[in-house]
């Protein structure tokens, strides 16, 4: 059995008001196994929290850094922890 993890990624750049969160949701749907959310933060960053197999979270992280996303990603800060199981699907907040 694959252990689930929790990835929290903070995305800096021009990522609000450009459809970035919706793009993340669509990207996660392509992975099929992740749950969590994407939300705008008051300081202009976007927070992405994803839970699922580490390999899928790593694929998402790589996509956040290098993928074809709306806006402009300047930096992605990541942190890892154990999955909480608090999410049902992947939502936009």
PDB file of N, CA and C in Angstrom:
ATOM      1  N   UNK A   1       0.843  -1.187   0.000  1.00  0.00           N
ATOM      2  CA  UNK A   1       0.000   0.000   0.000  1.00  0.00           C
ATOM      3  C   UNK A   1       0.886   1.248   0.000  1.00  0.00           C
ATOM      4  N   UNK A   2       0.503   2.247  -0.768  1.00  0.00           N
ATOM      5  CA  UNK A   2       1.254   3.484  -0.868  1.00  0.00           C
ATOM      6  C   UNK A   2       0.833   4.432   0.245  1.00  0.00           C
ATOM      7  N   UNK A   3       1.815   4.964   0.950  1.00  0.00           N
ATOM      8  CA  UNK A   3       1.528   5.902   2.027  1.00  0.00           C
ATOM      9  C   UNK A   3       1.099   7.253   1.455  1.00  0.00           C
ATOM     10  N   UNK A   4       0.062   7.832   2.048  1.00  0.00           N
ATOM     11  CA  UNK A   4      -0.378   9.158   1.639  1.00  0.00           C
ATOM     12  C   UNK A   4       0.388  10.221   2.409  1.00  0.00           C
ATOM     13  N   UNK A   5       0.678  11.319   1.723  1.00  0.00           N
ATOM     14  CA  UNK A   5       1.371  12.456   2.317  1.00  0.00           C
ATOM     15  C   UNK A   5       0.569  13.719   2.039  1.00  0.00           C
ATOM     16  N   UNK A   6       0.985  14.790   2.696  1.00  0.00           N
ATOM     17  CA  UNK A   6       0.372  16.102   2.484  1.00  0.00           C
ATOM     18  C   UNK A   6       1.443  17.051   1.969  1.00  0.00           C
ATOM     19  N   UNK A   7       1.188  17.631   0.819  1.00  0.00           N
ATOM     20  CA  UNK A   7       2.057  18.645   0.231  1.00  0.00           C
ATOM     21  C   UNK A   7       1.384  19.998   0.387  1.00  0.00           C
ATOM     22  N   UNK A   8       2.094  20.949   0.932  1.00  0.00           N
ATOM     23  CA  UNK A   8       1.637  22.337   0.949  1.00  0.00           C
ATOM     24  C   UNK A   8       2.626  23.129   0.106  1.00  0.00           C
ATOM     25  N   UNK A   9       2.123  23.777  -0.926  1.00  0.00           N
ATOM     26  CA  UNK A   9       2.962  24.569  -1.822  1.00  0.00           C
ATOM     27  C   UNK A   9       2.452  26.006  -1.836  1.00  0.00           C
ATOM     28  N   UNK A  10       3.359  26.943  -1.629  1.00  0.00           N
ATOM     29  CA  UNK A  10       3.049  28.369  -1.717  1.00  0.00           C
ATOM     30  C   UNK A  10       3.669  28.900  -2.990  1.00  0.00           C
ATOM     31  N   UNK A  11       2.817  29.450  -3.860  1.00  0.00           N
ATOM     32  CA  UNK A  11       3.260  29.881  -5.176  1.00  0.00           C
ATOM     33  C   UNK A  11       3.310  31.407  -5.214  1.00  0.00           C
ATOM     34  N   UNK A  12       4.501  31.931  -5.487  1.00  0.00           N
ATOM     35  CA  UNK A  12       4.716  33.377  -5.634  1.00  0.00           C
ATOM     36  C   UNK A  12       4.746  33.734  -7.107  1.00  0.00           C
ATOM     37  N   UNK A  13       4.293  34.933  -7.419  1.00  0.00           N
ATOM     38  CA  UNK A  13       4.340  35.439  -8.782  1.00  0.00           C
ATOM     39  C   UNK A  13       3.035  36.119  -9.128  1.00  0.00           C
ATOM     40  N   UNK A  14       2.762  36.207 -10.398  1.00  0.00           N
ATOM     41  CA  UNK A  14       1.500  36.768 -10.890  1.00  0.00           C
ATOM     42  C   UNK A  14       0.544  35.597 -11.067  1.00  0.00           C
ATOM     43  N   UNK A  15      -0.124  35.198  -9.957  1.00  0.00           N
ATOM     44  CA  UNK A  15      -0.919  33.974  -9.955  1.00  0.00           C
ATOM     45  C   UNK A  15      -2.358  34.178  -9.467  1.00  0.00           C
ATOM     46  N   UNK A  16      -2.746  35.411  -9.197  1.00  0.00           N
ATOM     47  CA  UNK A  16      -4.130  35.674  -8.809  1.00  0.00           C
ATOM     48  C   UNK A  16      -4.834  36.449  -9.903  1.00  0.00           C
ATOM     49  N   UNK A  17      -6.092  36.100 -10.130  1.00  0.00           N
ATOM     50  CA  UNK A  17      -6.893  36.786 -11.141  1.00  0.00           C
ATOM     51  C   UNK A  17      -6.593  36.357 -12.564  1.00  0.00           C
ATOM     52  N   UNK A  18      -5.923  35.221 -12.735  1.00  0.00           N
ATOM     53  CA  UNK A  18      -5.543  34.763 -14.071  1.00  0.00           C
ATOM     54  C   UNK A  18      -6.009  33.333 -14.366  1.00  0.00           C
ATOM     55  N   UNK A  19      -6.765  32.735 -13.443  1.00  0.00           N
ATOM     56  CA  UNK A  19      -7.235  31.358 -13.632  1.00  0.00           C
ATOM     57  C   UNK A  19      -6.267  30.303 -13.130  1.00  0.00           C
ATOM     58  N   UNK A  20      -5.285  30.719 -12.334  1.00  0.00           N
ATOM     59  CA  UNK A  20      -4.266  29.784 -11.867  1.00  0.00           C
ATOM     60  C   UNK A  20      -4.865  28.652 -11.029  1.00  0.00           C
ATOM     61  N   UNK A  21      -5.730  28.987 -10.071  1.00  0.00           N
ATOM     62  CA  UNK A  21      -6.316  27.949  -9.202  1.00  0.00           C
ATOM     63  C   UNK A  21      -7.122  26.945 -10.003  1.00  0.00           C
ATOM     64  N   UNK A  22      -7.850  27.409 -11.000  1.00  0.00           N
ATOM     65  CA  UNK A  22      -8.653  26.511 -11.838  1.00  0.00           C
ATOM     66  C   UNK A  22      -7.748  25.603 -12.656  1.00  0.00           C
ATOM     67  N   UNK A  23      -6.642  26.142 -13.103  1.00  0.00           N
ATOM     68  CA  UNK A  23      -5.666  25.341 -13.835  1.00  0.00           C
ATOM     69  C   UNK A  23      -5.087  24.249 -12.935  1.00  0.00           C
ATOM     70  N   UNK A  24      -4.819  24.598 -11.675  1.00  0.00           N
ATOM     71  CA  UNK A  24      -4.318  23.603 -10.718  1.00  0.00           C
ATOM     72  C   UNK A  24      -5.351  22.495 -10.537  1.00  0.00           C
ATOM     73  N   UNK A  25      -6.601  22.887 -10.370  1.00  0.00           N
ATOM     74  CA  UNK A  25      -7.660  21.881 -10.208  1.00  0.00           C
ATOM     75  C   UNK A  25      -7.701  20.941 -11.407  1.00  0.00           C
ATOM     76  N   UNK A  26      -7.607  21.479 -12.601  1.00  0.00           N
ATOM     77  CA  UNK A  26      -7.608  20.636 -13.805  1.00  0.00           C
ATOM     78  C   UNK A  26      -6.376  19.736 -13.850  1.00  0.00           C
ATOM     79  N   UNK A  27      -5.221  20.263 -13.442  1.00  0.00           N
ATOM     80  CA  UNK A  27      -4.001  19.467 -13.412  1.00  0.00           C
ATOM     81  C   UNK A  27      -4.094  18.327 -12.415  1.00  0.00           C
ATOM     82  N   UNK A  28      -4.683  18.598 -11.267  1.00  0.00           N
ATOM     83  CA  UNK A  28      -4.869  17.562 -10.249  1.00  0.00           C
ATOM     84  C   UNK A  28      -5.818  16.484 -10.764  1.00  0.00           C
ATOM     85  N   UNK A  29      -6.849  16.897 -11.484  1.00  0.00           N
ATOM     86  CA  UNK A  29      -7.808  15.920 -12.026  1.00  0.00           C
ATOM     87  C   UNK A  29      -7.096  14.926 -12.949  1.00  0.00           C
ATOM     88  N   UNK A  30      -6.084  15.374 -13.655  1.00  0.00           N
ATOM     89  CA  UNK A  30      -5.327  14.495 -14.527  1.00  0.00           C
ATOM     90  C   UNK A  30      -4.522  13.458 -13.766  1.00  0.00           C
ATOM     91  N   UNK A  31      -4.196  13.761 -12.502  1.00  0.00           N
ATOM     92  CA  UNK A  31      -3.477  12.800 -11.674  1.00  0.00           C
ATOM     93  C   UNK A  31      -4.434  11.790 -11.058  1.00  0.00           C
ATOM     94  N   UNK A  32      -5.673  12.212 -10.814  1.00  0.00           N
ATOM     95  CA  UNK A  32      -6.732  11.298 -10.416  1.00  0.00           C
ATOM     96  C   UNK A  32      -6.785  10.849  -8.976  1.00  0.00           C
ATOM     97  N   UNK A  33      -5.716  11.007  -8.205  1.00  0.00           N
ATOM     98  CA  UNK A  33      -5.723  10.435  -6.863  1.00  0.00           C
ATOM     99  C   UNK A  33      -5.566  11.456  -5.750  1.00  0.00           C
ATOM    100  N   UNK A  34      -5.378  12.725  -6.076  1.00  0.00           N
ATOM    101  CA  UNK A  34      -5.110  13.730  -5.059  1.00  0.00           C
ATOM    102  C   UNK A  34      -6.373  14.426  -4.581  1.00  0.00           C
ATOM    103  N   UNK A  35      -6.369  14.780  -3.309  1.00  0.00           N
ATOM    104  CA  UNK A  35      -7.428  15.595  -2.728  1.00  0.00           C
ATOM    105  C   UNK A  35      -6.786  16.840  -2.141  1.00  0.00           C
ATOM    106  N   UNK A  36      -7.588  17.858  -1.854  1.00  0.00           N
ATOM    107  CA  UNK A  36      -7.064  19.074  -1.248  1.00  0.00           C
ATOM    108  C   UNK A  36      -7.735  20.303  -1.787  1.00  0.00           C
ATOM    109  N   UNK A  37      -6.965  21.395  -1.907  1.00  0.00           N
ATOM    110  CA  UNK A  37      -7.542  22.664  -2.362  1.00  0.00           C
ATOM    111  C   UNK A  37      -6.460  23.607  -2.868  1.00  0.00           C
ATOM    112  N   UNK A  38      -6.926  24.628  -3.574  1.00  0.00           N
ATOM    113  CA  UNK A  38      -6.092  25.762  -3.971  1.00  0.00           C
ATOM    114  C   UNK A  38      -6.843  27.018  -3.552  1.00  0.00           C
ATOM    115  N   UNK A  39      -6.128  27.960  -2.940  1.00  0.00           N
ATOM    116  CA  UNK A  39      -6.778  29.199  -2.511  1.00  0.00           C
ATOM    117  C   UNK A  39      -5.832  30.379  -2.633  1.00  0.00           C
ATOM    118  N   UNK A  40      -6.422  31.550  -2.855  1.00  0.00           N
ATOM    119  CA  UNK A  40      -5.673  32.798  -2.878  1.00  0.00           C
ATOM    120  C   UNK A  40      -5.347  33.200  -1.447  1.00  0.00           C
ATOM    121  N   UNK A  41      -4.166  33.743  -1.238  1.00  0.00           N
ATOM    122  CA  UNK A  41      -3.773  34.293   0.051  1.00  0.00           C
ATOM    123  C   UNK A  41      -3.776  35.814  -0.034  1.00  0.00           C
ATOM    124  N   UNK A  42      -4.001  36.490   1.079  1.00  0.00           N
ATOM    125  CA  UNK A  42      -4.074  37.957   1.055  1.00  0.00           C
ATOM    126  C   UNK A  42      -2.807  38.632   0.536  1.00  0.00           C
ATOM    127  N   UNK A  43      -1.657  37.964   0.624  1.00  0.00           N
ATOM    128  CA  UNK A  43      -0.401  38.585   0.196  1.00  0.00           C
ATOM    129  C   UNK A  43      -0.105  38.402  -1.290  1.00  0.00           C
ATOM    130  N   UNK A  44      -1.059  37.838  -2.052  1.00  0.00           N
ATOM    131  CA  UNK A  44      -0.891  37.690  -3.498  1.00  0.00           C
ATOM    132  C   UNK A  44      -0.412  36.319  -3.935  1.00  0.00           C
ATOM    133  N   UNK A  45      -0.048  35.464  -2.984  1.00  0.00           N
ATOM    134  CA  UNK A  45       0.365  34.105  -3.332  1.00  0.00           C
ATOM    135  C   UNK A  45      -0.860  33.200  -3.439  1.00  0.00           C
ATOM    136  N   UNK A  46      -0.635  32.006  -3.980  1.00  0.00           N
ATOM    137  CA  UNK A  46      -1.641  30.954  -3.993  1.00  0.00           C
ATOM    138  C   UNK A  46      -1.101  29.801  -3.161  1.00  0.00           C
ATOM    139  N   UNK A  47      -1.957  29.261  -2.305  1.00  0.00           N
ATOM    140  CA  UNK A  47      -1.611  28.088  -1.508  1.00  0.00           C
ATOM    141  C   UNK A  47      -2.286  26.878  -2.126  1.00  0.00           C
ATOM    142  N   UNK A  48      -1.505  25.831  -2.350  1.00  0.00           N
ATOM    143  CA  UNK A  48      -2.027  24.565  -2.847  1.00  0.00           C
ATOM    144  C   UNK A  48      -1.720  23.504  -1.801  1.00  0.00           C
ATOM    145  N   UNK A  49      -2.764  22.831  -1.335  1.00  0.00           N
ATOM    146  CA  UNK A  49      -2.606  21.718  -0.409  1.00  0.00           C
ATOM    147  C   UNK A  49      -3.120  20.481  -1.127  1.00  0.00           C
ATOM    148  N   UNK A  50      -2.279  19.455  -1.194  1.00  0.00           N
ATOM    149  CA  UNK A  50      -2.665  18.220  -1.877  1.00  0.00           C
ATOM    150  C   UNK A  50      -2.270  17.027  -1.020  1.00  0.00           C
ATOM    151  N   UNK A  51      -3.166  16.047  -0.975  1.00  0.00           N
ATOM    152  CA  UNK A  51      -2.886  14.814  -0.246  1.00  0.00           C
ATOM    153  C   UNK A  51      -3.086  13.625  -1.167  1.00  0.00           C
ATOM    154  N   UNK A  52      -2.204  12.653  -1.010  1.00  0.00           N
ATOM    155  CA  UNK A  52      -2.281  11.440  -1.801  1.00  0.00           C
ATOM    156  C   UNK A  52      -0.921  10.782  -1.839  1.00  0.00           C
ATOM    157  N   UNK A  53      -0.713   9.856  -2.765  1.00  0.00           N
ATOM    158  CA  UNK A  53       0.589   9.196  -2.872  1.00  0.00           C
ATOM    159  C   UNK A  53       1.705  10.211  -3.126  1.00  0.00           C
ATOM    160  N   UNK A  54       2.844   9.998  -2.486  1.00  0.00           N
ATOM    161  CA  UNK A  54       3.969  10.937  -2.620  1.00  0.00           C
ATOM    162  C   UNK A  54       4.352  11.160  -4.075  1.00  0.00           C
ATOM    163  N   UNK A  55       4.338  10.096  -4.890  1.00  0.00           N
ATOM    164  CA  UNK A  55       4.747  10.252  -6.290  1.00  0.00           C
ATOM    165  C   UNK A  55       3.800  11.187  -7.034  1.00  0.00           C
ATOM    166  N   UNK A  56       2.512  11.144  -6.729  1.00  0.00           N
ATOM    167  CA  UNK A  56       1.553  12.035  -7.388  1.00  0.00           C
ATOM    168  C   UNK A  56       1.706  13.461  -6.895  1.00  0.00           C
ATOM    169  N   UNK A  57       1.956  13.628  -5.593  1.00  0.00           N
ATOM    170  CA  UNK A  57       2.205  14.973  -5.062  1.00  0.00           C
ATOM    171  C   UNK A  57       3.468  15.559  -5.672  1.00  0.00           C
ATOM    172  N   UNK A  58       4.494  14.721  -5.869  1.00  0.00           N
ATOM    173  CA  UNK A  58       5.746  15.189  -6.488  1.00  0.00           C
ATOM    174  C   UNK A  58       5.514  15.596  -7.943  1.00  0.00           C
ATOM    175  N   UNK A  59       4.670  14.854  -8.647  1.00  0.00           N
ATOM    176  CA  UNK A  59       4.325  15.231 -10.029  1.00  0.00           C
ATOM    177  C   UNK A  59       3.616  16.581 -10.050  1.00  0.00           C
ATOM    178  N   UNK A  60       2.692  16.795  -9.113  1.00  0.00           N
ATOM    179  CA  UNK A  60       2.000  18.078  -9.024  1.00  0.00           C
ATOM    180  C   UNK A  60       2.999  19.196  -8.738  1.00  0.00           C
ATOM    181  N   UNK A  61       3.898  18.974  -7.798  1.00  0.00           N
ATOM    182  CA  UNK A  61       4.891  19.989  -7.452  1.00  0.00           C
ATOM    183  C   UNK A  61       5.745  20.346  -8.666  1.00  0.00           C
ATOM    184  N   UNK A  62       6.179  19.354  -9.400  1.00  0.00           N
ATOM    185  CA  UNK A  62       6.969  19.602 -10.605  1.00  0.00           C
ATOM    186  C   UNK A  62       6.158  20.410 -11.613  1.00  0.00           C
ATOM    187  N   UNK A  63       4.886  20.079 -11.776  1.00  0.00           N
ATOM    188  CA  UNK A  63       4.020  20.805 -12.703  1.00  0.00           C
ATOM    189  C   UNK A  63       3.833  22.255 -12.248  1.00  0.00           C
ATOM    190  N   UNK A  64       3.672  22.466 -10.929  1.00  0.00           N
ATOM    191  CA  UNK A  64       3.526  23.830 -10.418  1.00  0.00           C
ATOM    192  C   UNK A  64       4.766  24.662 -10.749  1.00  0.00           C
ATOM    193  N   UNK A  65       5.919  24.043 -10.721  1.00  0.00           N
ATOM    194  CA  UNK A  65       7.169  24.761 -10.987  1.00  0.00           C
ATOM    195  C   UNK A  65       7.446  24.965 -12.470  1.00  0.00           C
ATOM    196  N   UNK A  66       7.055  23.994 -13.302  1.00  0.00           N
ATOM    197  CA  UNK A  66       7.468  24.028 -14.703  1.00  0.00           C
ATOM    198  C   UNK A  66       6.331  23.934 -15.705  1.00  0.00           C
ATOM    199  N   UNK A  67       5.110  23.757 -15.220  1.00  0.00           N
ATOM    200  CA  UNK A  67       3.995  23.508 -16.123  1.00  0.00           C
ATOM    201  C   UNK A  67       3.505  24.738 -16.849  1.00  0.00           C
ATOM    202  N   UNK A  68       2.628  24.504 -17.779  1.00  0.00           N
ATOM    203  CA  UNK A  68       2.013  25.573 -18.567  1.00  0.00           C
ATOM    204  C   UNK A  68       0.807  26.096 -17.798  1.00  0.00           C
ATOM    205  N   UNK A  69       1.055  27.035 -16.878  1.00  0.00           N
ATOM    206  CA  UNK A  69       0.001  27.590 -16.040  1.00  0.00           C
ATOM    207  C   UNK A  69      -0.278  29.032 -16.439  1.00  0.00           C
ATOM    208  N   UNK A  70      -1.490  29.502 -16.175  1.00  0.00           N
ATOM    209  CA  UNK A  70      -1.778  30.918 -16.423  1.00  0.00           C
ATOM    210  C   UNK A  70      -0.956  31.798 -15.478  1.00  0.00           C
ATOM    211  N   UNK A  71      -0.705  32.992 -15.898  1.00  0.00           N
ATOM    212  CA  UNK A  71       0.061  33.914 -15.068  1.00  0.00           C
ATOM    213  C   UNK A  71       1.550  33.639 -15.181  1.00  0.00           C
ATOM    214  N   UNK A  72       2.249  33.922 -14.079  1.00  0.00           N
ATOM    215  CA  UNK A  72       3.707  33.742 -14.068  1.00  0.00           C
ATOM    216  C   UNK A  72       4.129  33.252 -12.682  1.00  0.00           C
ATOM    217  N   UNK A  73       4.672  32.068 -12.622  1.00  0.00           N
ATOM    218  CA  UNK A  73       5.180  31.516 -11.368  1.00  0.00           C
ATOM    219  C   UNK A  73       6.634  31.942 -11.205  1.00  0.00           C
ATOM    220  N   UNK A  74       6.927  32.615 -10.091  1.00  0.00           N
ATOM    221  CA  UNK A  74       8.296  33.053  -9.823  1.00  0.00           C
ATOM    222  C   UNK A  74       9.005  32.132  -8.835  1.00  0.00           C
ATOM    223  N   UNK A  75       8.259  31.568  -7.890  1.00  0.00           N
ATOM    224  CA  UNK A  75       8.859  30.675  -6.898  1.00  0.00           C
ATOM    225  C   UNK A  75       7.780  29.788  -6.296  1.00  0.00           C
ATOM    226  N   UNK A  76       8.182  28.578  -5.919  1.00  0.00           N
ATOM    227  CA  UNK A  76       7.290  27.643  -5.230  1.00  0.00           C
ATOM    228  C   UNK A  76       8.024  27.151  -3.988  1.00  0.00           C
ATOM    229  N   UNK A  77       7.416  27.368  -2.836  1.00  0.00           N
ATOM    230  CA  UNK A  77       7.960  26.894  -1.571  1.00  0.00           C
ATOM    231  C   UNK A  77       7.122  25.701  -1.135  1.00  0.00           C
ATOM    232  N   UNK A  78       7.780  24.606  -0.816  1.00  0.00           N
ATOM    233  CA  UNK A  78       7.065  23.377  -0.474  1.00  0.00           C
ATOM    234  C   UNK A  78       7.311  22.966   0.962  1.00  0.00           C
ATOM    235  N   UNK A  79       6.329  22.302   1.540  1.00  0.00           N
ATOM    236  CA  UNK A  79       6.512  21.618   2.814  1.00  0.00           C
ATOM    237  C   UNK A  79       5.717  20.318   2.756  1.00  0.00           C
ATOM    238  N   UNK A  80       6.211  19.317   3.458  1.00  0.00           N
ATOM    239  CA  UNK A  80       5.630  17.975   3.432  1.00  0.00           C
ATOM    240  C   UNK A  80       5.251  17.551   4.842  1.00  0.00           C
ATOM    241  N   UNK A  81       4.213  16.737   4.927  1.00  0.00           N
ATOM    242  CA  UNK A  81       3.793  16.190   6.208  1.00  0.00           C
ATOM    243  C   UNK A  81       2.899  14.992   5.987  1.00  0.00           C
ATOM    244  N   UNK A  82       2.386  14.436   7.071  1.00  0.00           N
ATOM    245  CA  UNK A  82       1.475  13.305   6.937  1.00  0.00           C
ATOM    246  C   UNK A  82       0.106  13.766   6.449  1.00  0.00           C
ATOM    247  N   UNK A  83      -0.561  12.938   5.700  1.00  0.00           N
ATOM    248  CA  UNK A  83      -1.916  13.255   5.232  1.00  0.00           C
ATOM    249  C   UNK A  83      -2.866  13.299   6.419  1.00  0.00           C
ATOM    250  N   UNK A  84      -3.832  14.187   6.351  1.00  0.00           N
ATOM    251  CA  UNK A  84      -4.833  14.311   7.408  1.00  0.00           C
ATOM    252  C   UNK A  84      -6.141  13.616   7.042  1.00  0.00           C
ATOM    253  N   UNK A  85      -6.380  13.450   5.744  1.00  0.00           N
ATOM    254  CA  UNK A  85      -7.635  12.848   5.297  1.00  0.00           C
ATOM    255  C   UNK A  85      -8.834  13.767   5.437  1.00  0.00           C
ATOM    256  N   UNK A  86      -8.584  15.069   5.589  1.00  0.00           N
ATOM    257  CA  UNK A  86      -9.662  16.039   5.800  1.00  0.00           C
ATOM    258  C   UNK A  86     -10.385  16.464   4.524  1.00  0.00           C
ATOM    259  N   UNK A  87      -9.907  16.053   3.367  1.00  0.00           N
ATOM    260  CA  UNK A  87     -10.434  16.588   2.114  1.00  0.00           C
ATOM    261  C   UNK A  87     -11.195  15.514   1.344  1.00  0.00           C
ATOM    262  N   UNK A  88     -12.252  15.960   0.718  1.00  0.00           N
ATOM    263  CA  UNK A  88     -13.062  15.087  -0.121  1.00  0.00           C
ATOM    264  C   UNK A  88     -13.024  15.683  -1.532  1.00  0.00           C
ATOM    265  N   UNK A  89     -12.131  15.204  -2.372  1.00  0.00           N
ATOM    266  CA  UNK A  89     -11.953  15.783  -3.683  1.00  0.00           C
ATOM    267  C   UNK A  89     -10.979  16.949  -3.623  1.00  0.00           C
ATOM    268  N   UNK A  90     -10.883  17.682  -4.737  1.00  0.00           N
ATOM    269  CA  UNK A  90      -9.996  18.833  -4.814  1.00  0.00           C
ATOM    270  C   UNK A  90     -10.838  20.055  -5.123  1.00  0.00           C
ATOM    271  N   UNK A  91     -10.770  21.083  -4.285  1.00  0.00           N
ATOM    272  CA  UNK A  91     -11.644  22.245  -4.403  1.00  0.00           C
ATOM    273  C   UNK A  91     -10.866  23.533  -4.592  1.00  0.00           C
ATOM    274  N   UNK A  92     -11.582  24.533  -5.058  1.00  0.00           N
ATOM    275  CA  UNK A  92     -11.076  25.902  -5.158  1.00  0.00           C
ATOM    276  C   UNK A  92     -11.696  26.662  -4.001  1.00  0.00           C
ATOM    277  N   UNK A  93     -10.864  27.351  -3.261  1.00  0.00           N
ATOM    278  CA  UNK A  93     -11.381  28.147  -2.140  1.00  0.00           C
ATOM    279  C   UNK A  93     -11.179  29.609  -2.398  1.00  0.00           C
TER     280      UNK A  93
END
